[in-house]
Amino acid sequence: MSKNILIVDDEPDMCWIISQLVQSQGFNVVTAYTGEDACLKLAKGRFSTVFLDAKLPDMDGFDVAKYASLLKKDKPSVVLVSGYYYQDDPVIHQAVADGIICNFLAKPFTNKEFINILMSSQ
């Protein structure tokens, strides 16, 4: 049975690119373009990993990550994807230390960088 990956980004092109990479590794993909939609999908579905944009139109990506971290069963690994923050940003370090996110991926990223993080989050 293939694992489900949730991709959350307000840019449809970014969702499409990430979806192609995820599917090329044999995983199922579900997408959300808003934080609210992501939270609804997290409440109803089971996901092994969430690739989450830090800046969404309706809410901050960290709020979605906090919601995901509170799920009682099947808590997913959350990878924050951002062109706003950077790898050594204190905010990122704190989110990892607090268990809100498990990893960070800076935009733009290479296919190899993405696949390495996808596979390590499983």
PDB file of N, CA and C in Angstrom:
ATOM      1  N   MET A   1       0.840  -1.190   0.000  1.00  0.00           N
ATOM      2  CA  MET A   1       0.000   0.000   0.000  1.00  0.00           C
ATOM      3  C   MET A   1       0.877   1.241   0.000  1.00  0.00           C
ATOM      4  N   SER A   2       0.616   2.136  -0.923  1.00  0.00           N
ATOM      5  CA  SER A   2       1.425   3.332  -1.074  1.00  0.00           C
ATOM      6  C   SER A   2       1.079   4.384  -0.025  1.00  0.00           C
ATOM      7  N   LYS A   3       2.071   5.127   0.398  1.00  0.00           N
ATOM      8  CA  LYS A   3       1.868   6.179   1.392  1.00  0.00           C
ATOM      9  C   LYS A   3       1.312   7.432   0.733  1.00  0.00           C
ATOM     10  N   ASN A   4       0.554   8.208   1.517  1.00  0.00           N
ATOM     11  CA  ASN A   4      -0.021   9.459   1.048  1.00  0.00           C
ATOM     12  C   ASN A   4       0.832  10.630   1.516  1.00  0.00           C
ATOM     13  N   ILE A   5       1.082  11.547   0.597  1.00  0.00           N
ATOM     14  CA  ILE A   5       1.859  12.751   0.879  1.00  0.00           C
ATOM     15  C   ILE A   5       0.943  13.945   0.617  1.00  0.00           C
ATOM     16  N   LEU A   6       0.881  14.876   1.573  1.00  0.00           N
ATOM     17  CA  LEU A   6       0.107  16.102   1.409  1.00  0.00           C
ATOM     18  C   LEU A   6       1.051  17.231   1.019  1.00  0.00           C
ATOM     19  N   ILE A   7       0.697  17.924  -0.058  1.00  0.00           N
ATOM     20  CA  ILE A   7       1.473  19.059  -0.539  1.00  0.00           C
ATOM     21  C   ILE A   7       0.615  20.305  -0.360  1.00  0.00           C
ATOM     22  N   VAL A   8       1.151  21.276   0.373  1.00  0.00           N
ATOM     23  CA  VAL A   8       0.414  22.500   0.663  1.00  0.00           C
ATOM     24  C   VAL A   8       1.207  23.690   0.153  1.00  0.00           C
ATOM     25  N   ASP A   9       0.682  24.343  -0.873  1.00  0.00           N
ATOM     26  CA  ASP A   9       1.328  25.532  -1.434  1.00  0.00           C
ATOM     27  C   ASP A   9       0.273  26.320  -2.194  1.00  0.00           C
ATOM     28  N   ASP A  10       0.302  27.638  -2.069  1.00  0.00           N
ATOM     29  CA  ASP A  10      -0.695  28.462  -2.757  1.00  0.00           C
ATOM     30  C   ASP A  10      -0.360  28.672  -4.232  1.00  0.00           C
ATOM     31  N   GLU A  11       0.789  28.203  -4.673  1.00  0.00           N
ATOM     32  CA  GLU A  11       1.172  28.307  -6.078  1.00  0.00           C
ATOM     33  C   GLU A  11       0.897  26.971  -6.777  1.00  0.00           C
ATOM     34  N   PRO A  12      -0.109  26.932  -7.669  1.00  0.00           N
ATOM     35  CA  PRO A  12      -0.430  25.673  -8.361  1.00  0.00           C
ATOM     36  C   PRO A  12       0.760  25.054  -9.091  1.00  0.00           C
ATOM     37  N   ASP A  13       1.627  25.882  -9.680  1.00  0.00           N
ATOM     38  CA  ASP A  13       2.796  25.347 -10.385  1.00  0.00           C
ATOM     39  C   ASP A  13       3.730  24.617  -9.429  1.00  0.00           C
ATOM     40  N   MET A  14       3.906  25.156  -8.219  1.00  0.00           N
ATOM     41  CA  MET A  14       4.769  24.504  -7.227  1.00  0.00           C
ATOM     42  C   MET A  14       4.153  23.177  -6.786  1.00  0.00           C
ATOM     43  N   CYS A  15       2.838  23.170  -6.588  1.00  0.00           N
ATOM     44  CA  CYS A  15       2.155  21.913  -6.237  1.00  0.00           C
ATOM     45  C   CYS A  15       2.354  20.878  -7.338  1.00  0.00           C
ATOM     46  N   TRP A  16       2.259  21.299  -8.577  1.00  0.00           N
ATOM     47  CA  TRP A  16       2.411  20.380  -9.698  1.00  0.00           C
ATOM     48  C   TRP A  16       3.825  19.804  -9.730  1.00  0.00           C
ATOM     49  N   ILE A  17       4.830  20.668  -9.580  1.00  0.00           N
ATOM     50  CA  ILE A  17       6.223  20.208  -9.613  1.00  0.00           C
ATOM     51  C   ILE A  17       6.482  19.199  -8.496  1.00  0.00           C
ATOM     52  N   ILE A  18       6.075  19.551  -7.280  1.00  0.00           N
ATOM     53  CA  ILE A  18       6.302  18.656  -6.145  1.00  0.00           C
ATOM     54  C   ILE A  18       5.520  17.356  -6.337  1.00  0.00           C
ATOM     55  N   SER A  19       4.302  17.448  -6.847  1.00  0.00           N
ATOM     56  CA  SER A  19       3.491  16.244  -7.101  1.00  0.00           C
ATOM     57  C   SER A  19       4.203  15.290  -8.050  1.00  0.00           C
ATOM     58  N   GLN A  20       4.793  15.832  -9.098  1.00  0.00           N
ATOM     59  CA  GLN A  20       5.510  14.994 -10.069  1.00  0.00           C
ATOM     60  C   GLN A  20       6.684  14.275  -9.402  1.00  0.00           C
ATOM     61  N   LEU A  21       7.413  14.989  -8.570  1.00  0.00           N
ATOM     62  CA  LEU A  21       8.551  14.378  -7.880  1.00  0.00           C
ATOM     63  C   LEU A  21       8.095  13.293  -6.910  1.00  0.00           C
ATOM     64  N   VAL A  22       7.036  13.569  -6.171  1.00  0.00           N
ATOM     65  CA  VAL A  22       6.518  12.594  -5.203  1.00  0.00           C
ATOM     66  C   VAL A  22       6.004  11.347  -5.921  1.00  0.00           C
ATOM     67  N   GLN A  23       5.228  11.546  -6.970  1.00  0.00           N
ATOM     68  CA  GLN A  23       4.671  10.413  -7.707  1.00  0.00           C
ATOM     69  C   GLN A  23       5.760   9.590  -8.381  1.00  0.00           C
ATOM     70  N   SER A  24       6.858  10.234  -8.781  1.00  0.00           N
ATOM     71  CA  SER A  24       7.952   9.495  -9.417  1.00  0.00           C
ATOM     72  C   SER A  24       8.606   8.509  -8.444  1.00  0.00           C
ATOM     73  N   GLN A  25       8.376   8.719  -7.148  1.00  0.00           N
ATOM     74  CA  GLN A  25       8.926   7.826  -6.124  1.00  0.00           C
ATOM     75  C   GLN A  25       7.887   6.815  -5.635  1.00  0.00           C
ATOM     76  N   GLY A  26       6.710   6.781  -6.273  1.00  0.00           N
ATOM     77  CA  GLY A  26       5.708   5.776  -5.971  1.00  0.00           C
ATOM     78  C   GLY A  26       4.719   6.121  -4.867  1.00  0.00           C
ATOM     79  N   PHE A  27       4.655   7.397  -4.485  1.00  0.00           N
ATOM     80  CA  PHE A  27       3.726   7.812  -3.438  1.00  0.00           C
ATOM     81  C   PHE A  27       2.468   8.427  -4.029  1.00  0.00           C
ATOM     82  N   ASN A  28       1.385   8.393  -3.261  1.00  0.00           N
ATOM     83  CA  ASN A  28       0.146   9.078  -3.630  1.00  0.00           C
ATOM     84  C   ASN A  28       0.231  10.527  -3.190  1.00  0.00           C
ATOM     85  N   VAL A  29      -0.425  11.411  -3.934  1.00  0.00           N
ATOM     86  CA  VAL A  29      -0.369  12.841  -3.661  1.00  0.00           C
ATOM     87  C   VAL A  29      -1.768  13.411  -3.439  1.00  0.00           C
ATOM     88  N   VAL A  30      -1.866  14.272  -2.419  1.00  0.00           N
ATOM     89  CA  VAL A  30      -3.048  15.093  -2.185  1.00  0.00           C
ATOM     90  C   VAL A  30      -2.523  16.511  -2.070  1.00  0.00           C
ATOM     91  N   THR A  31      -3.225  17.476  -2.684  1.00  0.00           N
ATOM     92  CA  THR A  31      -2.770  18.863  -2.628  1.00  0.00           C
ATOM     93  C   THR A  31      -3.792  19.747  -1.929  1.00  0.00           C
ATOM     94  N   ALA A  32      -3.268  20.817  -1.350  1.00  0.00           N
ATOM     95  CA  ALA A  32      -4.103  21.859  -0.744  1.00  0.00           C
ATOM     96  C   ALA A  32      -3.445  23.194  -1.066  1.00  0.00           C
ATOM     97  N   TYR A  33      -4.280  24.210  -1.349  1.00  0.00           N
ATOM     98  CA  TYR A  33      -3.759  25.525  -1.727  1.00  0.00           C
ATOM     99  C   TYR A  33      -3.891  26.553  -0.607  1.00  0.00           C
ATOM    100  N   THR A  34      -4.564  26.176   0.483  1.00  0.00           N
ATOM    101  CA  THR A  34      -4.726  27.080   1.621  1.00  0.00           C
ATOM    102  C   THR A  34      -4.457  26.316   2.913  1.00  0.00           C
ATOM    103  N   GLY A  35      -4.197  27.063   3.962  1.00  0.00           N
ATOM    104  CA  GLY A  35      -3.997  26.448   5.262  1.00  0.00           C
ATOM    105  C   GLY A  35      -5.252  25.777   5.776  1.00  0.00           C
ATOM    106  N   GLU A  36      -6.390  26.426   5.562  1.00  0.00           N
ATOM    107  CA  GLU A  36      -7.661  25.853   6.015  1.00  0.00           C
ATOM    108  C   GLU A  36      -7.929  24.518   5.339  1.00  0.00           C
ATOM    109  N   ASP A  37      -7.728  24.461   4.026  1.00  0.00           N
ATOM    110  CA  ASP A  37      -7.940  23.216   3.289  1.00  0.00           C
ATOM    111  C   ASP A  37      -6.962  22.146   3.773  1.00  0.00           C
ATOM    112  N   ALA A  38      -5.718  22.540   4.049  1.00  0.00           N
ATOM    113  CA  ALA A  38      -4.724  21.583   4.546  1.00  0.00           C
ATOM    114  C   ALA A  38      -5.161  21.001   5.885  1.00  0.00           C
ATOM    115  N   CYS A  39      -5.657  21.844   6.788  1.00  0.00           N
ATOM    116  CA  CYS A  39      -6.102  21.363   8.100  1.00  0.00           C
ATOM    117  C   CYS A  39      -7.290  20.416   7.967  1.00  0.00           C
ATOM    118  N   LEU A  40      -8.214  20.714   7.061  1.00  0.00           N
ATOM    119  CA  LEU A  40      -9.360  19.818   6.825  1.00  0.00           C
ATOM    120  C   LEU A  40      -8.876  18.466   6.301  1.00  0.00           C
ATOM    121  N   LYS A  41      -7.939  18.485   5.383  1.00  0.00           N
ATOM    122  CA  LYS A  41      -7.423  17.232   4.815  1.00  0.00           C
ATOM    123  C   LYS A  41      -6.627  16.452   5.857  1.00  0.00           C
ATOM    124  N   LEU A  42      -5.887  17.147   6.702  1.00  0.00           N
ATOM    125  CA  LEU A  42      -5.157  16.480   7.776  1.00  0.00           C
ATOM    126  C   LEU A  42      -6.116  15.823   8.767  1.00  0.00           C
ATOM    127  N   ALA A  43      -7.230  16.474   9.037  1.00  0.00           N
ATOM    128  CA  ALA A  43      -8.213  15.935   9.989  1.00  0.00           C
ATOM    129  C   ALA A  43      -8.899  14.685   9.447  1.00  0.00           C
ATOM    130  N   LYS A  44      -9.086  14.628   8.132  1.00  0.00           N
ATOM    131  CA  LYS A  44      -9.837  13.526   7.531  1.00  0.00           C
ATOM    132  C   LYS A  44      -8.967  12.401   6.993  1.00  0.00           C
ATOM    133  N   GLY A  45      -7.736  12.717   6.604  1.00  0.00           N
ATOM    134  CA  GLY A  45      -6.899  11.719   5.933  1.00  0.00           C
ATOM    135  C   GLY A  45      -5.725  11.282   6.777  1.00  0.00           C
ATOM    136  N   ARG A  46      -4.961  10.377   6.211  1.00  0.00           N
ATOM    137  CA  ARG A  46      -3.734   9.886   6.838  1.00  0.00           C
ATOM    138  C   ARG A  46      -2.592  10.137   5.870  1.00  0.00           C
ATOM    139  N   PHE A  47      -1.594  10.863   6.363  1.00  0.00           N
ATOM    140  CA  PHE A  47      -0.458  11.240   5.539  1.00  0.00           C
ATOM    141  C   PHE A  47       0.831  10.898   6.264  1.00  0.00           C
ATOM    142  N   SER A  48       1.789  10.359   5.529  1.00  0.00           N
ATOM    143  CA  SER A  48       3.085  10.074   6.149  1.00  0.00           C
ATOM    144  C   SER A  48       3.916  11.350   6.241  1.00  0.00           C
ATOM    145  N   THR A  49       3.761  12.221   5.232  1.00  0.00           N
ATOM    146  CA  THR A  49       4.552  13.450   5.171  1.00  0.00           C
ATOM    147  C   THR A  49       3.712  14.590   4.616  1.00  0.00           C
ATOM    148  N   VAL A  50       4.006  15.797   5.103  1.00  0.00           N
ATOM    149  CA  VAL A  50       3.395  17.018   4.580  1.00  0.00           C
ATOM    150  C   VAL A  50       4.523  17.936   4.122  1.00  0.00           C
ATOM    151  N   PHE A  51       4.473  18.362   2.871  1.00  0.00           N
ATOM    152  CA  PHE A  51       5.372  19.399   2.369  1.00  0.00           C
ATOM    153  C   PHE A  51       4.569  20.687   2.407  1.00  0.00           C
ATOM    154  N   LEU A  52       4.998  21.612   3.252  1.00  0.00           N
ATOM    155  CA  LEU A  52       4.187  22.752   3.636  1.00  0.00           C
ATOM    156  C   LEU A  52       4.892  24.069   3.352  1.00  0.00           C
ATOM    157  N   ASP A  53       4.260  24.897   2.527  1.00  0.00           N
ATOM    158  CA  ASP A  53       4.771  26.242   2.259  1.00  0.00           C
ATOM    159  C   ASP A  53       4.645  27.077   3.529  1.00  0.00           C
ATOM    160  N   ALA A  54       5.654  27.889   3.816  1.00  0.00           N
ATOM    161  CA  ALA A  54       5.654  28.704   5.040  1.00  0.00           C
ATOM    162  C   ALA A  54       4.669  29.859   4.964  1.00  0.00           C
ATOM    163  N   LYS A  55       4.428  30.374   3.774  1.00  0.00           N
ATOM    164  CA  LYS A  55       3.559  31.544   3.616  1.00  0.00           C
ATOM    165  C   LYS A  55       2.352  31.174   2.758  1.00  0.00           C
ATOM    166  N   LEU A  56       1.199  31.116   3.397  1.00  0.00           N
ATOM    167  CA  LEU A  56      -0.057  30.795   2.713  1.00  0.00           C
ATOM    168  C   LEU A  56      -0.972  32.014   2.775  1.00  0.00           C
ATOM    169  N   PRO A  57      -1.946  32.115   1.873  1.00  0.00           N
ATOM    170  CA  PRO A  57      -2.777  33.325   1.829  1.00  0.00           C
ATOM    171  C   PRO A  57      -3.688  33.510   3.045  1.00  0.00           C
ATOM    172  N   ASP A  58      -4.097  32.415   3.669  1.00  0.00           N
ATOM    173  CA  ASP A  58      -5.078  32.529   4.757  1.00  0.00           C
ATOM    174  C   ASP A  58      -4.493  32.325   6.154  1.00  0.00           C
ATOM    175  N   MET A  59      -3.337  31.697   6.249  1.00  0.00           N
ATOM    176  CA  MET A  59      -2.716  31.478   7.554  1.00  0.00           C
ATOM    177  C   MET A  59      -1.242  31.156   7.388  1.00  0.00           C
ATOM    178  N   ASP A  60      -0.503  31.283   8.461  1.00  0.00           N
ATOM    179  CA  ASP A  60       0.923  31.001   8.442  1.00  0.00           C
ATOM    180  C   ASP A  60       1.149  29.493   8.383  1.00  0.00           C
ATOM    181  N   GLY A  61       2.143  29.079   7.614  1.00  0.00           N
ATOM    182  CA  GLY A  61       2.456  27.657   7.516  1.00  0.00           C
ATOM    183  C   GLY A  61       2.795  27.030   8.860  1.00  0.00           C
ATOM    184  N   PHE A  62       3.395  27.798   9.747  1.00  0.00           N
ATOM    185  CA  PHE A  62       3.715  27.271  11.082  1.00  0.00           C
ATOM    186  C   PHE A  62       2.452  26.904  11.855  1.00  0.00           C
ATOM    187  N   ASP A  63       1.351  27.632  11.615  1.00  0.00           N
ATOM    188  CA  ASP A  63       0.089  27.291  12.290  1.00  0.00           C
ATOM    189  C   ASP A  63      -0.448  25.948  11.791  1.00  0.00           C
ATOM    190  N   VAL A  64      -0.295  25.696  10.501  1.00  0.00           N
ATOM    191  CA  VAL A  64      -0.697  24.397   9.949  1.00  0.00           C
ATOM    192  C   VAL A  64       0.200  23.303  10.521  1.00  0.00           C
ATOM    193  N   ALA A  65       1.494  23.579  10.609  1.00  0.00           N
ATOM    194  CA  ALA A  65       2.436  22.599  11.171  1.00  0.00           C
ATOM    195  C   ALA A  65       2.103  22.293  12.628  1.00  0.00           C
ATOM    196  N   LYS A  66       1.744  23.317  13.390  1.00  0.00           N
ATOM    197  CA  LYS A  66       1.355  23.102  14.787  1.00  0.00           C
ATOM    198  C   LYS A  66       0.103  22.243  14.868  1.00  0.00           C
ATOM    199  N   TYR A  67      -0.859  22.497  13.986  1.00  0.00           N
ATOM    200  CA  TYR A  67      -2.069  21.680  13.949  1.00  0.00           C
ATOM    201  C   TYR A  67      -1.711  20.219  13.670  1.00  0.00           C
ATOM    202  N   ALA A  68      -0.853  19.992  12.682  1.00  0.00           N
ATOM    203  CA  ALA A  68      -0.440  18.623  12.326  1.00  0.00           C
ATOM    204  C   ALA A  68       0.261  17.947  13.493  1.00  0.00           C
ATOM    205  N   SER A  69       1.035  18.718  14.260  1.00  0.00           N
ATOM    206  CA  SER A  69       1.775  18.126  15.384  1.00  0.00           C
ATOM    207  C   SER A  69       0.854  17.713  16.531  1.00  0.00           C
ATOM    208  N   LEU A  70      -0.370  18.220  16.531  1.00  0.00           N
ATOM    209  CA  LEU A  70      -1.324  17.891  17.587  1.00  0.00           C
ATOM    210  C   LEU A  70      -2.223  16.696  17.256  1.00  0.00           C
ATOM    211  N   LEU A  71      -2.096  16.176  16.038  1.00  0.00           N
ATOM    212  CA  LEU A  71      -2.924  15.034  15.654  1.00  0.00           C
ATOM    213  C   LEU A  71      -2.620  13.858  16.571  1.00  0.00           C
ATOM    214  N   LYS A  72      -3.656  13.197  17.032  1.00  0.00           N
ATOM    215  CA  LYS A  72      -3.502  12.107  18.007  1.00  0.00           C
ATOM    216  C   LYS A  72      -2.990  10.819  17.373  1.00  0.00           C
ATOM    217  N   LYS A  73      -3.432  10.555  16.143  1.00  0.00           N
ATOM    218  CA  LYS A  73      -3.006   9.318  15.482  1.00  0.00           C
ATOM    219  C   LYS A  73      -2.376   9.644  14.139  1.00  0.00           C
ATOM    220  N   ASP A  74      -1.460   8.818  13.742  1.00  0.00           N
ATOM    221  CA  ASP A  74      -0.809   8.961  12.439  1.00  0.00           C
ATOM    222  C   ASP A  74      -0.265  10.367  12.204  1.00  0.00           C
ATOM    223  N   LYS A  75       0.455  10.894  13.177  1.00  0.00           N
ATOM    224  CA  LYS A  75       1.049  12.216  13.058  1.00  0.00           C
ATOM    225  C   LYS A  75       2.056  12.227  11.906  1.00  0.00           C
ATOM    226  N   PRO A  76       1.864  13.106  10.924  1.00  0.00           N
ATOM    227  CA  PRO A  76       2.775  13.119   9.777  1.00  0.00           C
ATOM    228  C   PRO A  76       4.076  13.854  10.075  1.00  0.00           C
ATOM    229  N   SER A  77       5.092  13.549   9.297  1.00  0.00           N
ATOM    230  CA  SER A  77       6.323  14.336   9.301  1.00  0.00           C
ATOM    231  C   SER A  77       6.039  15.590   8.486  1.00  0.00           C
ATOM    232  N   VAL A  78       6.413  16.750   9.006  1.00  0.00           N
ATOM    233  CA  VAL A  78       6.163  18.007   8.299  1.00  0.00           C
ATOM    234  C   VAL A  78       7.489  18.605   7.853  1.00  0.00           C
ATOM    235  N   VAL A  79       7.573  18.856   6.547  1.00  0.00           N
ATOM    236  CA  VAL A  79       8.734  19.504   5.960  1.00  0.00           C
ATOM    237  C   VAL A  79       8.291  20.895   5.520  1.00  0.00           C
ATOM    238  N   LEU A  80       8.888  21.918   6.110  1.00  0.00           N
ATOM    239  CA  LEU A  80       8.570  23.287   5.728  1.00  0.00           C
ATOM    240  C   LEU A  80       9.354  23.640   4.471  1.00  0.00           C
ATOM    241  N   VAL A  81       8.667  24.182   3.472  1.00  0.00           N
ATOM    242  CA  VAL A  81       9.279  24.559   2.204  1.00  0.00           C
ATOM    243  C   VAL A  81       9.109  26.070   2.065  1.00  0.00           C
ATOM    244  N   SER A  82      10.220  26.785   1.866  1.00  0.00           N
ATOM    245  CA  SER A  82      10.096  28.240   1.874  1.00  0.00           C
ATOM    246  C   SER A  82      11.180  28.939   1.090  1.00  0.00           C
ATOM    247  N   GLY A  83      10.801  30.020   0.462  1.00  0.00           N
ATOM    248  CA  GLY A  83      11.749  30.945  -0.134  1.00  0.00           C
ATOM    249  C   GLY A  83      11.960  32.142   0.768  1.00  0.00           C
ATOM    250  N   TYR A  84      11.232  32.182   1.864  1.00  0.00           N
ATOM    251  CA  TYR A  84      11.292  33.299   2.806  1.00  0.00           C
ATOM    252  C   TYR A  84      12.303  33.040   3.917  1.00  0.00           C
ATOM    253  N   TYR A  85      12.242  31.852   4.503  1.00  0.00           N
ATOM    254  CA  TYR A  85      13.185  31.480   5.553  1.00  0.00           C
ATOM    255  C   TYR A  85      14.416  30.831   4.928  1.00  0.00           C
ATOM    256  N   TYR A  86      15.440  30.612   5.720  1.00  0.00           N
ATOM    257  CA  TYR A  86      16.658  29.966   5.248  1.00  0.00           C
ATOM    258  C   TYR A  86      17.058  28.868   6.235  1.00  0.00           C
ATOM    259  N   GLN A  87      17.910  27.962   5.800  1.00  0.00           N
ATOM    260  CA  GLN A  87      18.257  26.764   6.558  1.00  0.00           C
ATOM    261  C   GLN A  87      18.716  27.062   7.987  1.00  0.00           C
ATOM    262  N   ASP A  88      19.539  28.091   8.168  1.00  0.00           N
ATOM    263  CA  ASP A  88      20.088  28.395   9.492  1.00  0.00           C
ATOM    264  C   ASP A  88      19.274  29.444  10.243  1.00  0.00           C
ATOM    265  N   ASP A  89      18.070  29.718   9.787  1.00  0.00           N
ATOM    266  CA  ASP A  89      17.202  30.699  10.445  1.00  0.00           C
ATOM    267  C   ASP A  89      16.852  30.213  11.850  1.00  0.00           C
ATOM    268  N   PRO A  90      16.984  31.056  12.865  1.00  0.00           N
ATOM    269  CA  PRO A  90      16.630  30.650  14.234  1.00  0.00           C
ATOM    270  C   PRO A  90      15.183  30.162  14.363  1.00  0.00           C
ATOM    271  N   VAL A  91      14.284  30.711  13.580  1.00  0.00           N
ATOM    272  CA  VAL A  91      12.883  30.278  13.615  1.00  0.00           C
ATOM    273  C   VAL A  91      12.764  28.818  13.174  1.00  0.00           C
ATOM    274  N   ILE A  92      13.532  28.448  12.169  1.00  0.00           N
ATOM    275  CA  ILE A  92      13.534  27.069  11.673  1.00  0.00           C
ATOM    276  C   ILE A  92      14.129  26.137  12.726  1.00  0.00           C
ATOM    277  N   HIS A  93      15.247  26.521  13.291  1.00  0.00           N
ATOM    278  CA  HIS A  93      15.871  25.702  14.335  1.00  0.00           C
ATOM    279  C   HIS A  93      14.918  25.478  15.512  1.00  0.00           C
ATOM    280  N   GLN A  94      14.200  26.522  15.904  1.00  0.00           N
ATOM    281  CA  GLN A  94      13.271  26.407  17.025  1.00  0.00           C
ATOM    282  C   GLN A  94      12.106  25.487  16.681  1.00  0.00           C
ATOM    283  N   ALA A  95      11.588  25.592  15.465  1.00  0.00           N
ATOM    284  CA  ALA A  95      10.470  24.736  15.048  1.00  0.00           C
ATOM    285  C   ALA A  95      10.874  23.264  15.031  1.00  0.00           C
ATOM    286  N   VAL A  96      12.104  22.977  14.611  1.00  0.00           N
ATOM    287  CA  VAL A  96      12.600  21.597  14.633  1.00  0.00           C
ATOM    288  C   VAL A  96      12.764  21.140  16.086  1.00  0.00           C
ATOM    289  N   ALA A  97      13.357  21.982  16.912  1.00  0.00           N
ATOM    290  CA  ALA A  97      13.570  21.634  18.325  1.00  0.00           C
ATOM    291  C   ALA A  97      12.245  21.394  19.052  1.00  0.00           C
ATOM    292  N   ASP A  98      11.219  22.154  18.675  1.00  0.00           N
ATOM    293  CA  ASP A  98       9.895  22.009  19.306  1.00  0.00           C
ATOM    294  C   ASP A  98       9.087  20.844  18.732  1.00  0.00           C
ATOM    295  N   GLY A  99       9.601  20.196  17.679  1.00  0.00           N
ATOM    296  CA  GLY A  99       8.899  19.075  17.074  1.00  0.00           C
ATOM    297  C   GLY A  99       7.748  19.481  16.176  1.00  0.00           C
ATOM    298  N   ILE A 100       7.710  20.745  15.761  1.00  0.00           N
ATOM    299  CA  ILE A 100       6.639  21.225  14.882  1.00  0.00           C
ATOM    300  C   ILE A 100       6.923  20.819  13.437  1.00  0.00           C
ATOM    301  N   ILE A 101       8.184  20.890  13.045  1.00  0.00           N
ATOM    302  CA  ILE A 101       8.601  20.412  11.720  1.00  0.00           C
ATOM    303  C   ILE A 101       9.757  19.436  11.909  1.00  0.00           C
ATOM    304  N   CYS A 102       9.929  18.549  10.933  1.00  0.00           N
ATOM    305  CA  CYS A 102      11.038  17.598  11.022  1.00  0.00           C
ATOM    306  C   CYS A 102      12.198  17.994  10.128  1.00  0.00           C
ATOM    307  N   ASN A 103      11.909  18.853   9.131  1.00  0.00           N
ATOM    308  CA  ASN A 103      12.947  19.236   8.187  1.00  0.00           C
ATOM    309  C   ASN A 103      12.550  20.515   7.482  1.00  0.00           C
ATOM    310  N   PHE A 104      13.493  21.083   6.750  1.00  0.00           N
ATOM    311  CA  PHE A 104      13.290  22.336   6.027  1.00  0.00           C
ATOM    312  C   PHE A 104      13.899  22.207   4.645  1.00  0.00           C
ATOM    313  N   LEU A 105      13.214  22.770   3.653  1.00  0.00           N
ATOM    314  CA  LEU A 105      13.701  22.772   2.277  1.00  0.00           C
ATOM    315  C   LEU A 105      13.557  24.187   1.733  1.00  0.00           C
ATOM    316  N   ALA A 106      14.678  24.781   1.337  1.00  0.00           N
ATOM    317  CA  ALA A 106      14.661  26.143   0.808  1.00  0.00           C
ATOM    318  C   ALA A 106      14.308  26.145  -0.671  1.00  0.00           C
ATOM    319  N   LYS A 107      13.454  27.093  -1.067  1.00  0.00           N
ATOM    320  CA  LYS A 107      13.168  27.336  -2.480  1.00  0.00           C
ATOM    321  C   LYS A 107      14.214  28.322  -2.983  1.00  0.00           C
ATOM    322  N   PRO A 108      14.733  28.155  -4.186  1.00  0.00           N
ATOM    323  CA  PRO A 108      14.508  27.012  -5.075  1.00  0.00           C
ATOM    324  C   PRO A 108      15.343  25.811  -4.626  1.00  0.00           C
ATOM    325  N   PHE A 109      14.858  24.627  -4.961  1.00  0.00           N
ATOM    326  CA  PHE A 109      15.547  23.394  -4.597  1.00  0.00           C
ATOM    327  C   PHE A 109      15.748  22.551  -5.841  1.00  0.00           C
ATOM    328  N   THR A 110      16.690  21.621  -5.766  1.00  0.00           N
ATOM    329  CA  THR A 110      16.912  20.702  -6.884  1.00  0.00           C
ATOM    330  C   THR A 110      16.046  19.462  -6.683  1.00  0.00           C
ATOM    331  N   ASN A 111      15.819  18.736  -7.745  1.00  0.00           N
ATOM    332  CA  ASN A 111      15.055  17.481  -7.645  1.00  0.00           C
ATOM    333  C   ASN A 111      15.729  16.530  -6.667  1.00  0.00           C
ATOM    334  N   LYS A 112      17.056  16.460  -6.713  1.00  0.00           N
ATOM    335  CA  LYS A 112      17.797  15.559  -5.833  1.00  0.00           C
ATOM    336  C   LYS A 112      17.612  15.957  -4.364  1.00  0.00           C
ATOM    337  N   GLU A 113      17.696  17.253  -4.062  1.00  0.00           N
ATOM    338  CA  GLU A 113      17.479  17.721  -2.685  1.00  0.00           C
ATOM    339  C   GLU A 113      16.090  17.323  -2.194  1.00  0.00           C
ATOM    340  N   PHE A 114      15.099  17.539  -3.051  1.00  0.00           N
ATOM    341  CA  PHE A 114      13.724  17.221  -2.674  1.00  0.00           C
ATOM    342  C   PHE A 114      13.566  15.731  -2.404  1.00  0.00           C
ATOM    343  N   ILE A 115      14.032  14.898  -3.318  1.00  0.00           N
ATOM    344  CA  ILE A 115      13.865  13.447  -3.173  1.00  0.00           C
ATOM    345  C   ILE A 115      14.608  12.934  -1.939  1.00  0.00           C
ATOM    346  N   ASN A 116      15.778  13.488  -1.662  1.00  0.00           N
ATOM    347  CA  ASN A 116      16.508  13.082  -0.446  1.00  0.00           C
ATOM    348  C   ASN A 116      15.677  13.378   0.807  1.00  0.00           C
ATOM    349  N   ILE A 117      15.073  14.539   0.867  1.00  0.00           N
ATOM    350  CA  ILE A 117      14.253  14.879   2.041  1.00  0.00           C
ATOM    351  C   ILE A 117      12.986  14.030   2.074  1.00  0.00           C
ATOM    352  N   LEU A 118      12.369  13.811   0.926  1.00  0.00           N
ATOM    353  CA  LEU A 118      11.176  12.951   0.871  1.00  0.00           C
ATOM    354  C   LEU A 118      11.491  11.573   1.426  1.00  0.00           C
ATOM    355  N   MET A 119      12.556  10.972   0.977  1.00  0.00           N
ATOM    356  CA  MET A 119      12.881   9.615   1.397  1.00  0.00           C
ATOM    357  C   MET A 119      13.304   9.558   2.860  1.00  0.00           C
ATOM    358  N   SER A 120      13.982  10.584   3.347  1.00  0.00           N
ATOM    359  CA  SER A 120      14.410  10.577   4.746  1.00  0.00           C
ATOM    360  C   SER A 120      13.247  10.842   5.705  1.00  0.00           C
ATOM    361  N   SER A 121      12.156  11.369   5.190  1.00  0.00           N
ATOM    362  CA  SER A 121      11.000  11.684   6.061  1.00  0.00           C
ATOM    363  C   SER A 121      10.046  10.493   6.204  1.00  0.00           C
ATOM    364  N   GLN A 122      10.323   9.408   5.502  1.00  0.00           N
ATOM    365  CA  GLN A 122       9.413   8.262   5.536  1.00  0.00           C
ATOM    366  C   GLN A 122       9.681   7.366   6.714  1.00  0.00           C
TER     367      GLN A 122
END
